[in-house]
């Protein structure tokens, strides 16, 4: 894994799972992410002997052996953790399903039906991977993309806009859940424009393939 300058990848930061954006003390905005994909990548990285940090939203999974777990809840929590843990990282793999929006304010008490509770005002969350892409510092950056249409074109757009080295994209087709599916088909797009399609693999199998590709880039 050495570059021309002889630098070796040693520290990998991986994000996984969903984020939760609080509405009031008992409600939140979230998504269906199980965290399985990110955890599988972290487990594989740990087995290979890398210093592995797993920043995870709320999931029902155990941190893999030999991996440092960093629990977070909201997108802002994840942003802070990524900024803190990625400072000395050689590779960052953003597999988490981070919420794009959060409520402008969090109600101190449970909201009741009717009145102002009928309208939920939202604000955009920070784009964590784009922030890293704007200040790469020699790190290898991997982004994930879940699309419902135009898979390849949207993935290429994300690759360029976020300034990452690799995008791992998959499509949510009618009748499929993606989150929780036993097997997946993905499209990997490199910064060079090269595309690699991988069909009907388990997330553990894909974790090995994705990690191999991420660690093949020069830093």
N, C-alpha and C. Protein backbone atom coordinates (compact mmCIF):
# COMPACT_ATOMS: atom_id res chain seq x y z
N UNK A 1 0.80 -1.21 0.00
CA UNK A 1 0.00 0.00 0.00
C UNK A 1 0.85 1.28 0.00
N UNK A 2 2.09 1.21 -0.46
CA UNK A 2 2.95 2.37 -0.38
C UNK A 2 2.81 3.26 -1.62
N UNK A 3 2.88 4.56 -1.39
CA UNK A 3 2.87 5.51 -2.50
C UNK A 3 4.30 5.68 -2.99
N UNK A 4 4.48 6.54 -3.97
CA UNK A 4 5.82 6.79 -4.48
C UNK A 4 6.70 7.41 -3.40
N UNK A 5 6.08 8.11 -2.44
CA UNK A 5 6.83 8.73 -1.36
C UNK A 5 7.02 7.75 -0.20
N UNK A 6 6.47 6.54 -0.32
CA UNK A 6 6.67 5.53 0.70
C UNK A 6 5.69 5.58 1.85
N UNK A 7 4.66 6.43 1.77
CA UNK A 7 3.70 6.51 2.87
C UNK A 7 2.75 5.33 2.83
N UNK A 8 2.47 4.79 3.99
CA UNK A 8 1.63 3.60 4.10
C UNK A 8 0.34 3.91 4.84
N UNK A 9 -0.78 3.40 4.34
CA UNK A 9 -2.06 3.59 5.01
C UNK A 9 -2.06 2.79 6.31
N UNK A 10 -2.35 3.47 7.41
CA UNK A 10 -2.35 2.83 8.71
C UNK A 10 -3.66 3.04 9.47
N UNK A 11 -4.26 4.20 9.31
CA UNK A 11 -5.43 4.57 10.11
C UNK A 11 -6.63 4.80 9.18
N UNK A 12 -7.73 4.09 9.44
CA UNK A 12 -8.93 4.18 8.61
C UNK A 12 -10.12 4.58 9.48
N UNK A 13 -10.83 5.59 9.05
CA UNK A 13 -12.06 6.03 9.72
C UNK A 13 -13.25 5.64 8.84
N UNK A 14 -14.23 4.99 9.45
CA UNK A 14 -15.42 4.52 8.73
C UNK A 14 -16.66 5.03 9.46
N UNK A 15 -17.62 5.54 8.71
CA UNK A 15 -18.90 5.92 9.32
C UNK A 15 -19.97 4.91 8.91
N UNK A 16 -20.95 4.73 9.78
CA UNK A 16 -21.98 3.72 9.51
C UNK A 16 -23.29 4.09 10.18
N UNK A 17 -24.36 3.47 9.68
CA UNK A 17 -25.67 3.62 10.30
C UNK A 17 -26.38 4.91 9.93
N UNK A 18 -27.53 5.15 10.55
CA UNK A 18 -28.30 6.36 10.29
C UNK A 18 -27.92 7.45 11.29
N UNK A 19 -28.43 8.63 11.07
CA UNK A 19 -28.42 9.64 12.13
C UNK A 19 -29.87 9.90 12.54
N UNK A 20 -30.03 10.43 13.73
CA UNK A 20 -31.35 10.81 14.23
C UNK A 20 -31.37 12.31 14.51
N UNK A 21 -32.36 12.97 13.96
CA UNK A 21 -32.50 14.42 14.15
C UNK A 21 -33.73 14.68 15.01
N UNK A 22 -33.53 15.11 16.23
CA UNK A 22 -34.61 15.24 17.20
C UNK A 22 -35.65 16.29 16.79
N UNK A 23 -36.90 15.94 16.97
CA UNK A 23 -38.01 16.87 16.80
C UNK A 23 -38.47 17.39 18.17
N UNK A 24 -38.67 16.46 19.07
CA UNK A 24 -39.03 16.76 20.46
C UNK A 24 -38.47 15.63 21.32
N UNK A 25 -38.77 15.57 22.61
CA UNK A 25 -38.16 14.53 23.46
C UNK A 25 -38.47 13.09 23.06
N UNK A 26 -39.50 12.86 22.24
CA UNK A 26 -39.89 11.48 21.91
C UNK A 26 -39.90 11.17 20.42
N UNK A 27 -39.61 12.13 19.56
CA UNK A 27 -39.68 11.92 18.12
C UNK A 27 -38.40 12.38 17.44
N UNK A 28 -38.12 11.79 16.29
CA UNK A 28 -36.95 12.19 15.52
C UNK A 28 -37.14 11.85 14.05
N UNK A 29 -36.31 12.46 13.19
CA UNK A 29 -36.23 12.13 11.76
C UNK A 29 -35.06 11.19 11.57
N UNK A 30 -35.25 10.12 10.81
CA UNK A 30 -34.16 9.19 10.56
C UNK A 30 -34.40 8.47 9.24
N UNK A 31 -33.74 7.34 9.05
CA UNK A 31 -33.90 6.54 7.84
C UNK A 31 -33.74 5.06 8.18
N UNK A 32 -33.80 4.22 7.16
CA UNK A 32 -33.83 2.77 7.39
C UNK A 32 -32.45 2.11 7.48
N UNK A 33 -31.39 2.87 7.51
CA UNK A 33 -30.05 2.28 7.52
C UNK A 33 -29.86 1.36 8.72
N UNK A 34 -29.30 0.17 8.46
CA UNK A 34 -29.04 -0.80 9.52
C UNK A 34 -27.60 -0.72 10.04
N UNK A 35 -26.72 -0.11 9.25
CA UNK A 35 -25.31 -0.03 9.63
C UNK A 35 -24.49 -1.24 9.25
N UNK A 36 -25.14 -2.27 8.71
CA UNK A 36 -24.45 -3.54 8.44
C UNK A 36 -23.27 -3.35 7.47
N UNK A 37 -23.46 -2.54 6.44
CA UNK A 37 -22.42 -2.36 5.44
C UNK A 37 -21.17 -1.73 6.06
N UNK A 38 -21.35 -0.62 6.76
CA UNK A 38 -20.22 0.05 7.38
C UNK A 38 -19.52 -0.81 8.41
N UNK A 39 -20.30 -1.56 9.18
CA UNK A 39 -19.73 -2.45 10.19
C UNK A 39 -18.92 -3.57 9.53
N UNK A 40 -19.41 -4.06 8.39
CA UNK A 40 -18.69 -5.12 7.68
C UNK A 40 -17.34 -4.60 7.17
N UNK A 41 -17.31 -3.36 6.68
CA UNK A 41 -16.05 -2.77 6.22
C UNK A 41 -15.10 -2.57 7.39
N UNK A 42 -15.63 -2.09 8.52
CA UNK A 42 -14.80 -1.88 9.70
C UNK A 42 -14.23 -3.20 10.22
N UNK A 43 -15.06 -4.24 10.22
CA UNK A 43 -14.60 -5.55 10.67
C UNK A 43 -13.46 -6.07 9.79
N UNK A 44 -13.61 -5.90 8.48
CA UNK A 44 -12.58 -6.35 7.55
C UNK A 44 -11.29 -5.55 7.73
N UNK A 45 -11.42 -4.24 7.92
CA UNK A 45 -10.24 -3.40 8.13
C UNK A 45 -9.51 -3.79 9.41
N UNK A 46 -10.29 -4.08 10.46
CA UNK A 46 -9.69 -4.50 11.72
C UNK A 46 -8.96 -5.82 11.59
N UNK A 47 -9.55 -6.76 10.85
CA UNK A 47 -8.91 -8.06 10.64
C UNK A 47 -7.59 -7.92 9.90
N UNK A 48 -7.50 -6.92 9.04
CA UNK A 48 -6.27 -6.72 8.27
C UNK A 48 -5.19 -5.98 9.05
N UNK A 49 -5.51 -5.59 10.27
CA UNK A 49 -4.51 -4.97 11.13
C UNK A 49 -4.43 -3.47 11.08
N UNK A 50 -5.36 -2.82 10.41
CA UNK A 50 -5.36 -1.36 10.38
C UNK A 50 -5.93 -0.79 11.67
N UNK A 51 -5.45 0.38 12.06
CA UNK A 51 -6.08 1.10 13.16
C UNK A 51 -7.42 1.60 12.63
N UNK A 52 -8.49 1.07 13.14
CA UNK A 52 -9.82 1.30 12.56
C UNK A 52 -10.73 1.99 13.57
N UNK A 53 -11.30 3.10 13.15
CA UNK A 53 -12.24 3.85 13.98
C UNK A 53 -13.59 3.82 13.30
N UNK A 54 -14.61 3.34 14.00
CA UNK A 54 -15.96 3.23 13.45
C UNK A 54 -16.87 4.23 14.14
N UNK A 55 -17.27 5.24 13.40
CA UNK A 55 -18.20 6.26 13.91
C UNK A 55 -19.60 5.86 13.50
N UNK A 56 -20.44 5.54 14.47
CA UNK A 56 -21.72 4.92 14.15
C UNK A 56 -22.91 5.64 14.77
N UNK A 57 -23.93 5.80 13.93
CA UNK A 57 -25.23 6.23 14.42
C UNK A 57 -25.89 5.09 15.17
N UNK A 58 -27.11 5.30 15.69
CA UNK A 58 -27.79 4.28 16.50
C UNK A 58 -28.17 3.04 15.69
N UNK A 59 -27.56 1.91 16.02
CA UNK A 59 -27.86 0.63 15.36
C UNK A 59 -27.84 -0.49 16.41
N UNK A 60 -28.38 -1.64 16.03
CA UNK A 60 -28.42 -2.80 16.93
C UNK A 60 -27.30 -3.77 16.57
N UNK A 61 -26.07 -3.27 16.54
CA UNK A 61 -24.91 -4.07 16.17
C UNK A 61 -23.79 -3.87 17.19
N UNK A 62 -22.95 -4.89 17.33
CA UNK A 62 -21.80 -4.79 18.21
C UNK A 62 -20.59 -4.28 17.44
N UNK A 63 -19.78 -3.46 18.09
CA UNK A 63 -18.56 -2.99 17.46
C UNK A 63 -17.64 -4.19 17.23
N UNK A 64 -17.11 -4.35 16.02
CA UNK A 64 -16.22 -5.49 15.74
C UNK A 64 -14.98 -5.49 16.64
N UNK A 65 -14.47 -6.67 16.89
CA UNK A 65 -13.29 -6.82 17.74
C UNK A 65 -12.10 -6.08 17.13
N UNK A 66 -11.38 -5.37 17.98
CA UNK A 66 -10.20 -4.65 17.53
C UNK A 66 -10.48 -3.31 16.88
N UNK A 67 -11.75 -2.91 16.86
CA UNK A 67 -12.15 -1.64 16.24
C UNK A 67 -12.58 -0.66 17.33
N UNK A 68 -12.16 0.58 17.22
CA UNK A 68 -12.58 1.62 18.15
C UNK A 68 -13.95 2.15 17.74
N UNK A 69 -14.93 2.05 18.61
CA UNK A 69 -16.27 2.54 18.31
C UNK A 69 -16.50 3.93 18.86
N UNK A 70 -17.10 4.78 18.04
CA UNK A 70 -17.44 6.14 18.45
C UNK A 70 -18.93 6.34 18.19
N UNK A 71 -19.78 6.25 19.21
CA UNK A 71 -21.22 6.40 19.00
C UNK A 71 -21.63 7.86 18.83
N UNK A 72 -22.52 8.11 17.88
CA UNK A 72 -23.07 9.45 17.67
C UNK A 72 -24.57 9.32 17.43
N UNK A 73 -25.26 10.43 17.46
CA UNK A 73 -26.70 10.40 17.20
C UNK A 73 -27.07 11.25 16.00
N UNK A 74 -26.79 12.53 16.05
CA UNK A 74 -27.22 13.44 14.98
C UNK A 74 -26.14 13.64 13.94
N UNK A 75 -26.51 14.31 12.84
CA UNK A 75 -25.54 14.64 11.79
C UNK A 75 -24.47 15.58 12.32
N UNK A 76 -24.86 16.52 13.18
CA UNK A 76 -23.88 17.42 13.76
C UNK A 76 -22.91 16.68 14.68
N UNK A 77 -23.43 15.69 15.41
CA UNK A 77 -22.55 14.84 16.23
C UNK A 77 -21.55 14.11 15.35
N UNK A 78 -22.05 13.58 14.22
CA UNK A 78 -21.18 12.83 13.32
C UNK A 78 -20.14 13.73 12.70
N UNK A 79 -20.52 14.93 12.34
CA UNK A 79 -19.57 15.88 11.77
C UNK A 79 -18.42 16.15 12.74
N UNK A 80 -18.76 16.38 14.01
CA UNK A 80 -17.73 16.65 15.02
C UNK A 80 -16.80 15.45 15.19
N UNK A 81 -17.40 14.24 15.23
CA UNK A 81 -16.60 13.04 15.42
C UNK A 81 -15.67 12.79 14.23
N UNK A 82 -16.21 12.97 13.02
CA UNK A 82 -15.39 12.77 11.82
C UNK A 82 -14.24 13.77 11.79
N UNK A 83 -14.52 15.00 12.12
CA UNK A 83 -13.47 16.03 12.12
C UNK A 83 -12.39 15.68 13.14
N UNK A 84 -12.81 15.20 14.30
CA UNK A 84 -11.85 14.86 15.36
C UNK A 84 -11.03 13.62 15.00
N UNK A 85 -11.68 12.58 14.50
CA UNK A 85 -11.02 11.29 14.28
C UNK A 85 -10.26 11.21 12.96
N UNK A 86 -10.63 12.05 12.00
CA UNK A 86 -10.01 11.95 10.67
C UNK A 86 -8.75 12.78 10.53
N UNK A 87 -8.41 13.54 11.57
CA UNK A 87 -7.25 14.41 11.49
C UNK A 87 -5.97 13.67 11.11
N UNK A 88 -5.79 12.47 11.65
CA UNK A 88 -4.60 11.68 11.37
C UNK A 88 -4.91 10.45 10.51
N UNK A 89 -6.10 10.42 9.93
CA UNK A 89 -6.51 9.27 9.12
C UNK A 89 -5.88 9.31 7.74
N UNK A 90 -5.59 8.14 7.22
CA UNK A 90 -5.09 8.02 5.85
C UNK A 90 -6.23 7.74 4.87
N UNK A 91 -7.34 7.21 5.39
CA UNK A 91 -8.49 6.85 4.55
C UNK A 91 -9.77 7.06 5.35
N UNK A 92 -10.75 7.69 4.73
CA UNK A 92 -12.06 7.89 5.35
C UNK A 92 -13.12 7.31 4.42
N UNK A 93 -13.93 6.39 4.95
CA UNK A 93 -14.98 5.74 4.18
C UNK A 93 -16.32 6.12 4.79
N UNK A 94 -17.08 6.94 4.06
CA UNK A 94 -18.35 7.47 4.57
C UNK A 94 -19.52 6.58 4.13
N UNK A 95 -19.75 5.51 4.90
CA UNK A 95 -20.83 4.58 4.58
C UNK A 95 -22.12 4.91 5.33
N UNK A 96 -22.10 5.89 6.21
CA UNK A 96 -23.29 6.25 6.98
C UNK A 96 -24.35 6.90 6.10
N UNK A 97 -25.60 6.73 6.50
CA UNK A 97 -26.72 7.41 5.83
C UNK A 97 -27.08 8.63 6.68
N UNK A 98 -26.37 9.71 6.41
CA UNK A 98 -26.53 10.93 7.21
C UNK A 98 -27.76 11.70 6.75
N UNK A 99 -28.57 12.11 7.69
CA UNK A 99 -29.77 12.87 7.35
C UNK A 99 -29.41 14.18 6.66
N UNK A 100 -30.11 14.49 5.58
CA UNK A 100 -29.84 15.73 4.85
C UNK A 100 -30.39 16.96 5.57
N UNK A 101 -31.41 16.75 6.39
CA UNK A 101 -32.05 17.88 7.07
C UNK A 101 -32.23 17.60 8.56
N UNK A 102 -32.43 18.67 9.32
CA UNK A 102 -32.78 18.57 10.73
C UNK A 102 -33.77 19.67 11.06
N UNK A 103 -34.60 19.49 12.09
CA UNK A 103 -35.51 20.56 12.49
C UNK A 103 -34.74 21.82 12.90
N UNK A 104 -35.27 22.96 12.56
CA UNK A 104 -34.63 24.22 12.93
C UNK A 104 -34.47 24.33 14.44
N UNK A 105 -35.47 23.84 15.16
CA UNK A 105 -35.40 23.87 16.62
C UNK A 105 -35.98 22.58 17.18
N UNK A 106 -35.55 22.21 18.38
CA UNK A 106 -36.05 21.02 19.06
C UNK A 106 -36.99 21.45 20.16
N UNK A 107 -38.22 20.96 20.13
CA UNK A 107 -39.20 21.33 21.15
C UNK A 107 -38.80 20.75 22.50
N UNK A 108 -38.97 21.52 23.53
CA UNK A 108 -38.61 21.07 24.87
C UNK A 108 -39.61 20.05 25.41
N UNK A 109 -40.86 20.13 24.91
CA UNK A 109 -41.90 19.21 25.35
C UNK A 109 -42.50 18.49 24.15
N UNK A 110 -43.15 17.37 24.40
CA UNK A 110 -43.78 16.63 23.32
C UNK A 110 -44.80 17.50 22.59
N UNK A 111 -44.66 17.56 21.27
CA UNK A 111 -45.59 18.35 20.47
C UNK A 111 -46.94 17.66 20.37
N UNK A 112 -47.99 18.42 20.46
CA UNK A 112 -49.34 17.89 20.37
C UNK A 112 -49.90 18.08 18.97
N UNK A 113 -50.93 17.34 18.62
CA UNK A 113 -51.55 17.46 17.31
C UNK A 113 -52.15 18.85 17.12
N UNK A 114 -52.12 19.29 15.85
CA UNK A 114 -52.71 20.58 15.52
C UNK A 114 -51.75 21.72 15.79
N UNK A 115 -52.15 22.92 15.40
CA UNK A 115 -51.35 24.11 15.65
C UNK A 115 -50.02 24.06 14.94
N UNK A 116 -48.97 24.58 15.59
CA UNK A 116 -47.65 24.68 14.97
C UNK A 116 -47.01 23.32 14.73
N UNK A 117 -47.48 22.29 15.44
CA UNK A 117 -46.90 20.95 15.28
C UNK A 117 -47.20 20.36 13.90
N UNK A 118 -48.19 20.92 13.19
CA UNK A 118 -48.56 20.40 11.88
C UNK A 118 -47.52 20.77 10.81
N UNK A 119 -46.67 21.75 11.10
CA UNK A 119 -45.64 22.18 10.16
C UNK A 119 -44.28 22.01 10.80
N UNK A 120 -43.42 21.22 10.17
CA UNK A 120 -42.09 20.98 10.68
C UNK A 120 -41.10 21.72 9.79
N UNK A 121 -40.44 22.69 10.33
CA UNK A 121 -39.49 23.50 9.56
C UNK A 121 -38.09 22.89 9.69
N UNK A 122 -37.45 22.73 8.52
CA UNK A 122 -36.17 22.04 8.47
C UNK A 122 -35.05 22.94 7.96
N UNK A 123 -33.84 22.57 8.29
CA UNK A 123 -32.65 23.25 7.77
C UNK A 123 -31.68 22.16 7.31
N UNK A 124 -30.88 22.46 6.30
CA UNK A 124 -29.94 21.47 5.78
C UNK A 124 -28.82 21.19 6.77
N UNK A 125 -28.45 19.93 6.87
CA UNK A 125 -27.28 19.55 7.65
C UNK A 125 -26.01 19.80 6.85
N UNK A 126 -24.88 19.93 7.51
CA UNK A 126 -23.61 20.12 6.78
C UNK A 126 -23.27 18.89 5.95
N UNK A 127 -22.60 19.11 4.84
CA UNK A 127 -22.16 18.03 3.96
C UNK A 127 -20.79 17.56 4.45
N UNK A 128 -20.77 16.49 5.21
CA UNK A 128 -19.53 16.06 5.88
C UNK A 128 -18.47 15.63 4.87
N UNK A 129 -18.84 14.81 3.91
CA UNK A 129 -17.85 14.31 2.95
C UNK A 129 -17.33 15.43 2.04
N UNK A 130 -18.18 16.39 1.71
CA UNK A 130 -17.72 17.52 0.90
C UNK A 130 -16.72 18.36 1.68
N UNK A 131 -16.98 18.51 2.98
CA UNK A 131 -16.03 19.24 3.81
C UNK A 131 -14.66 18.59 3.82
N UNK A 132 -14.63 17.27 3.87
CA UNK A 132 -13.36 16.55 3.81
C UNK A 132 -12.72 16.70 2.43
N UNK A 133 -13.55 16.65 1.38
CA UNK A 133 -13.04 16.77 0.03
C UNK A 133 -12.43 18.13 -0.25
N UNK A 134 -12.94 19.15 0.41
CA UNK A 134 -12.40 20.51 0.24
C UNK A 134 -11.08 20.69 0.96
N UNK A 135 -10.75 19.74 1.84
CA UNK A 135 -9.51 19.84 2.61
C UNK A 135 -8.94 18.42 2.78
N UNK A 136 -8.54 17.81 1.66
CA UNK A 136 -8.21 16.38 1.65
C UNK A 136 -6.98 16.01 2.48
N UNK A 137 -5.97 16.84 2.46
CA UNK A 137 -4.75 16.58 3.23
C UNK A 137 -4.16 15.20 2.93
N UNK A 138 -4.26 14.77 1.68
CA UNK A 138 -3.65 13.51 1.28
C UNK A 138 -4.44 12.27 1.62
N UNK A 139 -5.62 12.43 2.23
CA UNK A 139 -6.43 11.26 2.60
C UNK A 139 -7.14 10.67 1.38
N UNK A 140 -7.35 9.36 1.43
CA UNK A 140 -8.21 8.69 0.46
C UNK A 140 -9.64 8.83 0.98
N UNK A 141 -10.54 9.31 0.12
CA UNK A 141 -11.93 9.52 0.52
C UNK A 141 -12.85 8.64 -0.31
N UNK A 142 -13.76 7.96 0.39
CA UNK A 142 -14.73 7.09 -0.27
C UNK A 142 -16.13 7.53 0.15
N UNK A 143 -16.99 7.78 -0.83
CA UNK A 143 -18.37 8.17 -0.56
C UNK A 143 -19.32 7.07 -1.03
N UNK A 144 -20.47 7.00 -0.40
CA UNK A 144 -21.52 6.07 -0.81
C UNK A 144 -22.69 6.86 -1.38
N UNK A 145 -23.37 6.28 -2.35
CA UNK A 145 -24.52 6.94 -2.97
C UNK A 145 -25.65 5.94 -3.19
N UNK A 146 -26.79 6.24 -2.64
CA UNK A 146 -28.00 5.44 -2.87
C UNK A 146 -28.93 6.27 -3.74
N UNK A 147 -29.26 5.75 -4.91
CA UNK A 147 -30.07 6.50 -5.87
C UNK A 147 -31.34 5.75 -6.24
N UNK A 148 -32.35 6.49 -6.66
CA UNK A 148 -33.57 5.88 -7.16
C UNK A 148 -33.66 5.98 -8.68
N UNK A 149 -32.76 6.78 -9.28
CA UNK A 149 -32.74 6.93 -10.73
C UNK A 149 -31.37 7.42 -11.18
N UNK A 150 -31.08 7.24 -12.46
CA UNK A 150 -29.83 7.75 -13.07
C UNK A 150 -28.62 7.44 -12.19
N UNK A 151 -28.45 6.18 -11.88
CA UNK A 151 -27.41 5.76 -10.94
C UNK A 151 -26.03 6.26 -11.32
N UNK A 152 -25.59 5.97 -12.54
CA UNK A 152 -24.23 6.31 -12.93
C UNK A 152 -24.01 7.81 -12.99
N UNK A 153 -24.91 8.54 -13.61
CA UNK A 153 -24.72 9.99 -13.75
C UNK A 153 -24.75 10.69 -12.40
N UNK A 154 -25.63 10.26 -11.51
CA UNK A 154 -25.69 10.87 -10.18
C UNK A 154 -24.45 10.53 -9.36
N UNK A 155 -23.93 9.31 -9.54
CA UNK A 155 -22.73 8.91 -8.82
C UNK A 155 -21.51 9.70 -9.30
N UNK A 156 -21.42 9.91 -10.61
CA UNK A 156 -20.31 10.70 -11.16
C UNK A 156 -20.39 12.14 -10.67
N UNK A 157 -21.59 12.66 -10.62
CA UNK A 157 -21.79 14.03 -10.11
C UNK A 157 -21.31 14.13 -8.67
N UNK A 158 -21.65 13.14 -7.86
CA UNK A 158 -21.21 13.15 -6.46
C UNK A 158 -19.70 13.05 -6.36
N UNK A 159 -19.10 12.20 -7.18
CA UNK A 159 -17.65 12.04 -7.21
C UNK A 159 -16.95 13.37 -7.43
N UNK A 160 -17.44 14.13 -8.39
CA UNK A 160 -16.82 15.40 -8.74
C UNK A 160 -17.12 16.49 -7.71
N UNK A 161 -18.37 16.59 -7.30
CA UNK A 161 -18.76 17.65 -6.37
C UNK A 161 -18.12 17.49 -4.99
N UNK A 162 -17.95 16.24 -4.57
CA UNK A 162 -17.39 16.00 -3.23
C UNK A 162 -15.87 15.87 -3.25
N UNK A 163 -15.28 15.78 -4.47
CA UNK A 163 -13.83 15.63 -4.61
C UNK A 163 -13.32 14.40 -3.88
N UNK A 164 -13.94 13.25 -4.16
CA UNK A 164 -13.54 12.00 -3.53
C UNK A 164 -12.81 11.11 -4.53
N UNK A 165 -12.22 10.04 -4.02
CA UNK A 165 -11.45 9.14 -4.86
C UNK A 165 -12.28 7.99 -5.40
N UNK A 166 -13.35 7.66 -4.68
CA UNK A 166 -14.18 6.53 -5.07
C UNK A 166 -15.61 6.75 -4.57
N UNK A 167 -16.56 6.45 -5.44
CA UNK A 167 -17.97 6.44 -5.05
C UNK A 167 -18.50 5.02 -5.20
N UNK A 168 -19.16 4.54 -4.16
CA UNK A 168 -19.81 3.24 -4.18
C UNK A 168 -21.31 3.49 -4.28
N UNK A 169 -21.90 3.15 -5.42
CA UNK A 169 -23.30 3.50 -5.67
C UNK A 169 -24.16 2.26 -5.83
N UNK A 170 -25.36 2.34 -5.33
CA UNK A 170 -26.36 1.30 -5.60
C UNK A 170 -27.73 1.93 -5.75
N UNK A 171 -28.61 1.21 -6.39
CA UNK A 171 -29.91 1.75 -6.77
C UNK A 171 -31.03 1.09 -5.98
N UNK A 172 -31.94 1.93 -5.52
CA UNK A 172 -33.14 1.44 -4.84
C UNK A 172 -34.21 1.20 -5.90
N UNK A 173 -34.40 -0.05 -6.25
CA UNK A 173 -35.37 -0.42 -7.26
C UNK A 173 -36.71 -0.75 -6.63
N UNK A 174 -37.74 -0.68 -7.42
CA UNK A 174 -39.08 -0.99 -6.92
C UNK A 174 -39.13 -2.43 -6.39
N UNK A 175 -39.66 -2.58 -5.20
CA UNK A 175 -39.77 -3.90 -4.59
C UNK A 175 -38.56 -4.32 -3.78
N UNK A 176 -37.49 -3.47 -3.77
CA UNK A 176 -36.29 -3.78 -2.99
C UNK A 176 -36.14 -2.79 -1.85
N UNK A 177 -35.52 -3.24 -0.77
CA UNK A 177 -35.36 -2.36 0.39
C UNK A 177 -33.97 -1.76 0.46
N UNK A 178 -32.95 -2.41 -0.11
CA UNK A 178 -31.54 -2.04 -0.03
C UNK A 178 -31.04 -2.15 1.41
N UNK A 179 -31.59 -1.33 2.30
CA UNK A 179 -31.23 -1.45 3.70
C UNK A 179 -31.75 -2.78 4.22
N UNK A 180 -30.85 -3.66 4.63
CA UNK A 180 -31.27 -4.95 5.15
C UNK A 180 -31.26 -6.07 4.13
N UNK A 181 -31.07 -5.77 2.86
CA UNK A 181 -31.01 -6.83 1.85
C UNK A 181 -29.79 -7.72 2.10
N UNK A 182 -29.93 -9.02 1.82
CA UNK A 182 -28.84 -9.96 2.05
C UNK A 182 -27.75 -9.82 1.00
N UNK A 183 -28.13 -9.52 -0.24
CA UNK A 183 -27.15 -9.33 -1.31
C UNK A 183 -27.43 -8.00 -2.01
N UNK A 184 -26.37 -7.45 -2.58
CA UNK A 184 -26.49 -6.17 -3.28
C UNK A 184 -25.68 -6.20 -4.57
N UNK A 185 -26.05 -5.31 -5.49
CA UNK A 185 -25.24 -5.04 -6.67
C UNK A 185 -24.81 -3.58 -6.58
N UNK A 186 -23.54 -3.32 -6.79
CA UNK A 186 -23.03 -1.97 -6.66
C UNK A 186 -22.28 -1.55 -7.92
N UNK A 187 -22.11 -0.25 -8.06
CA UNK A 187 -21.28 0.32 -9.12
C UNK A 187 -20.24 1.19 -8.44
N UNK A 188 -18.97 0.85 -8.62
CA UNK A 188 -17.88 1.65 -8.08
C UNK A 188 -17.31 2.52 -9.19
N UNK A 189 -17.16 3.80 -8.91
CA UNK A 189 -16.61 4.74 -9.88
C UNK A 189 -15.39 5.42 -9.27
N UNK A 190 -14.25 5.28 -9.95
CA UNK A 190 -13.00 5.84 -9.47
C UNK A 190 -12.85 7.28 -9.95
N UNK A 191 -11.94 7.99 -9.32
CA UNK A 191 -11.67 9.38 -9.71
C UNK A 191 -11.17 9.48 -11.14
N UNK A 192 -10.57 8.39 -11.66
CA UNK A 192 -10.07 8.36 -13.04
C UNK A 192 -11.21 8.23 -14.05
N UNK A 193 -12.41 7.90 -13.56
CA UNK A 193 -13.54 7.67 -14.44
C UNK A 193 -13.83 6.20 -14.67
N UNK A 194 -12.92 5.34 -14.22
CA UNK A 194 -13.12 3.90 -14.38
C UNK A 194 -14.31 3.43 -13.55
N UNK A 195 -15.14 2.57 -14.14
CA UNK A 195 -16.30 2.03 -13.43
C UNK A 195 -16.16 0.52 -13.28
N UNK A 196 -16.59 0.03 -12.13
CA UNK A 196 -16.54 -1.40 -11.84
C UNK A 196 -17.89 -1.83 -11.30
N UNK A 197 -18.57 -2.72 -11.99
CA UNK A 197 -19.87 -3.22 -11.54
C UNK A 197 -19.66 -4.55 -10.83
N UNK A 198 -20.29 -4.69 -9.68
CA UNK A 198 -20.22 -5.93 -8.90
C UNK A 198 -21.64 -6.36 -8.58
N UNK A 199 -22.01 -7.58 -8.95
CA UNK A 199 -23.40 -8.01 -8.84
C UNK A 199 -23.59 -9.12 -7.80
N UNK A 200 -24.71 -8.99 -7.09
CA UNK A 200 -25.23 -10.04 -6.20
C UNK A 200 -24.19 -10.61 -5.24
N UNK A 201 -23.64 -9.73 -4.43
CA UNK A 201 -22.69 -10.14 -3.40
C UNK A 201 -23.25 -9.77 -2.02
N UNK A 202 -22.82 -10.52 -1.00
CA UNK A 202 -23.20 -10.16 0.35
C UNK A 202 -22.43 -8.90 0.76
N UNK A 203 -22.88 -8.25 1.81
CA UNK A 203 -22.20 -7.04 2.26
C UNK A 203 -20.80 -7.35 2.78
N UNK A 204 -20.61 -8.53 3.36
CA UNK A 204 -19.26 -8.91 3.79
C UNK A 204 -18.33 -9.11 2.60
N UNK A 205 -18.86 -9.70 1.54
CA UNK A 205 -18.06 -9.88 0.33
C UNK A 205 -17.73 -8.52 -0.30
N UNK A 206 -18.73 -7.65 -0.33
CA UNK A 206 -18.53 -6.32 -0.89
C UNK A 206 -17.56 -5.50 -0.05
N UNK A 207 -17.59 -5.70 1.27
CA UNK A 207 -16.68 -4.98 2.16
C UNK A 207 -15.23 -5.24 1.77
N UNK A 208 -14.90 -6.48 1.46
CA UNK A 208 -13.54 -6.83 1.05
C UNK A 208 -13.18 -6.16 -0.27
N UNK A 209 -14.12 -6.17 -1.21
CA UNK A 209 -13.87 -5.59 -2.53
C UNK A 209 -13.68 -4.08 -2.42
N UNK A 210 -14.54 -3.43 -1.66
CA UNK A 210 -14.47 -1.97 -1.50
C UNK A 210 -13.18 -1.57 -0.79
N UNK A 211 -12.83 -2.30 0.25
CA UNK A 211 -11.61 -1.98 0.99
C UNK A 211 -10.38 -2.18 0.12
N UNK A 212 -10.36 -3.25 -0.65
CA UNK A 212 -9.24 -3.48 -1.58
C UNK A 212 -9.08 -2.29 -2.53
N UNK A 213 -10.19 -1.83 -3.06
CA UNK A 213 -10.14 -0.72 -4.01
C UNK A 213 -9.71 0.58 -3.33
N UNK A 214 -10.27 0.85 -2.17
CA UNK A 214 -9.93 2.10 -1.45
C UNK A 214 -8.44 2.14 -1.11
N UNK A 215 -7.91 1.00 -0.72
CA UNK A 215 -6.51 0.97 -0.31
C UNK A 215 -5.54 0.86 -1.48
N UNK A 216 -6.08 0.78 -2.68
CA UNK A 216 -5.21 0.73 -3.86
C UNK A 216 -4.80 2.12 -4.33
N UNK A 217 -5.46 3.15 -3.80
CA UNK A 217 -5.13 4.51 -4.21
C UNK A 217 -3.85 4.99 -3.53
N UNK A 218 -3.10 5.84 -4.21
CA UNK A 218 -1.87 6.38 -3.67
C UNK A 218 -2.18 7.56 -2.75
N UNK A 219 -1.43 7.67 -1.65
CA UNK A 219 -1.61 8.80 -0.74
C UNK A 219 -0.27 9.49 -0.52
